[in-house]
Amino acid sequence: MDEQEMKLPDGTTFPLWEDETEYTRVYHVACGNPKASDDNPGTEKLPFKTIGRAASVLRPGEKVIVHAGIYRECVRPARGGDGPARMIAYEAAPGKKVIVKASEVWKPACRPSTGWSIGRVSNGGKVWMADLPPEMFVGYNPFLARNMCDEYYSYGGGWSAEHVQRFLLRRGAVFVNGRPLRQVFRVADLAANDGAFWVEEPGLRIHFRLWDDADPAKAVFEVTVREQAFAPAERHLGYIRVKGFRFEHGADGVPVPQRALVSTTRGHHWIIEDNAIRYANAVGLDAGAQDWKSADQARSGCHIIRRNTVSDCGICGIAGGTGVNHTLVEDNLVERIGGLDVEPIWECAGLKFHVCEAVLIRRNVFRHIRSACGLWLDYLNRNCRVSGNVFADIETRVAAVYIEVSHEPNLVDNNIFWDIRGVRSGDQVQGGVGCNADSNEHIVIAHNFFCQTEGHAVSINLNQAARLVGGRVGLCRQNKVLNNVFLRCPKRILLGRREDNVSDGNLFDTTSDEAAYLIRYPDPQALLNLAGWREYYGLDEHSTQARIEAKFSVERAKLSWKACGDLPAGQPVEAMHEEQPGPGPRL
């Protein structure tokens, strides 16, 4: 492991720890074994039938191996480990498909929809209805529960009627042959929409159309019935490892609080690795204190989150509502996030942490994201590093990387930003920024590759000039933009203040740079080309321009590029550079 890749902005090395446990006892769970029973001793020959049974007996220094099958339950670990040498581990059997679902199979008695004025159905299709069995829901019916929590809904936010409707949709989901139907707000909306469903009060009857108005008698239905698939009931459990599972179909609500499909429940020192986490109504994985008002926040965090695939979540892929300090997030794939399309609640991102200290986020891929940031570190972050990641095909009202109101050093380096787009409202475009440092100080944005950003590739602004956090406002001072590559970015750099901020050593392409640079303060703000940027503000004096060509595969996360001209240091560049997500394109 390259020690330099583990360095934090203050020069210290990230305090990496690992599972050092020599497991003294191993339990087995195998729902497909005809001898399986929760009355068994949990041996390989006489395994448990449910993971929940193993979770009730596991003690520090013990682990469970779960064999192939579909487990429809919420696993509730009863206890955590005592330290790195006495962890508790949950492992899928190597090479086996182990799926934990928060859904149940539904065999609907379908009949033509009645009792509602739907109107003329498009393409001559038919709307069906069927009743959900009440016994399917134990203490929680997500088809009755609304998306929005009371706290957020109470303070509004200038949302459109469409956003309010999405907040008021139900948390439940219907999957047909493994594919989710889209929920609509009014029963009449089914007239124009196939592949959709509507929930009738009081959450026990579904009206729906299948895609291309297929016959429901030939389909396999699943409906979400549980909020979570893996989450302790008790808070602050530590030293738990979860490896190799596929978790899916969570019926969780829109934060706050963050109660995700997979949750540490404010725990600490978890290793979450090699899992697939997908189809959460709101959040795939929560790893922090869940809510910024929660007590004992220092008892959460210190996690390792690596080599997971987190996808198809309505709000966040990975979330931490404070208390996620000293956490390593590496080699994950986070994609197709933001499906609820409620970005104006400002909690939507592939990864969103709050008030981080010494967090290292490296070598991840964030792609195919809509109505959400790629990565968001929300206020008072210190000594955090975002390094060697890929941010590609992201459509957001904010930015691919958004770091806000942080007074102490943070570092964004060696990342690839490709095809970052804003959201249109009439003729206006909001967002689409590559890296947005909002009211920060001491942030360094270095050695990144920016290509096709609709907003500014780098925005170091003062948009929250009046926001008091940590006893004061952010000043937009002592920030640096160094040694980055800018290609096909019509808006290159924005600086909220000229004084005390530095931009230099960058490589720009030779396309037109008219109005590509913006100084907001001192008044009046100035839109500049590179020549004026240098002459009147002394910025990018050692930066250069060159002919740059680049190709990027979003699916392979691979960049190829070449520059014909001079590097900022003066070395000629004629070679092709092949870059993977980590390290990124150092100049």
Foldseek 3Di string as FASTA:
>chain_A
DPQVLQAFPVRDGQPDDAQQEPAPEEFEEELPDPQADLVFPRHPVHHHPAVQSVLVPDAWSYEYEYEADEHEAARARPFFFDDSHTTYEYEYDPPHAYEFELKDWDDWPKDFDDDDDQDAAPPNATKIKGWADPVLADPDQQLQDFFDDPVLVVVDQPDDPLLVLLRGGGLKWKAKQNHTQDEDRDSNVNRHDASYWYADPPRTMIMHAHVVRDDSNPIIMMMRHAQARYEHPDAAHERYEYEAHEYERHSHHADQQDDANHEDRQYAHYEYANYEFEHHAAERYEFFPRALVHPPRCSTALYEAEHYEFEHHQAEHYEYRGSHESYEAEHYEQEHYNNSLNLSSVRGEPYEYEQYESYEYAHYEYEHEEAGAHYEYHAQYERYEHALYEQEHYEYLAENYEYEFHEYEYEYAQYEYYAQAFDDDPPDGGHQEHHEYELYANYEYEHYEHENGAEEPYEQAHPPQPDDDPRHTRDQAQYEYAAYEYYHGQAYYEGRALPRYAYEQYEYEPPDNFQNYWYVPDPPIDRDGPVCCCPPRVYHPLYYYWHKDKDADSVQQKIKMWTADAGSVGDGTDDIDIAHRPRHRGD
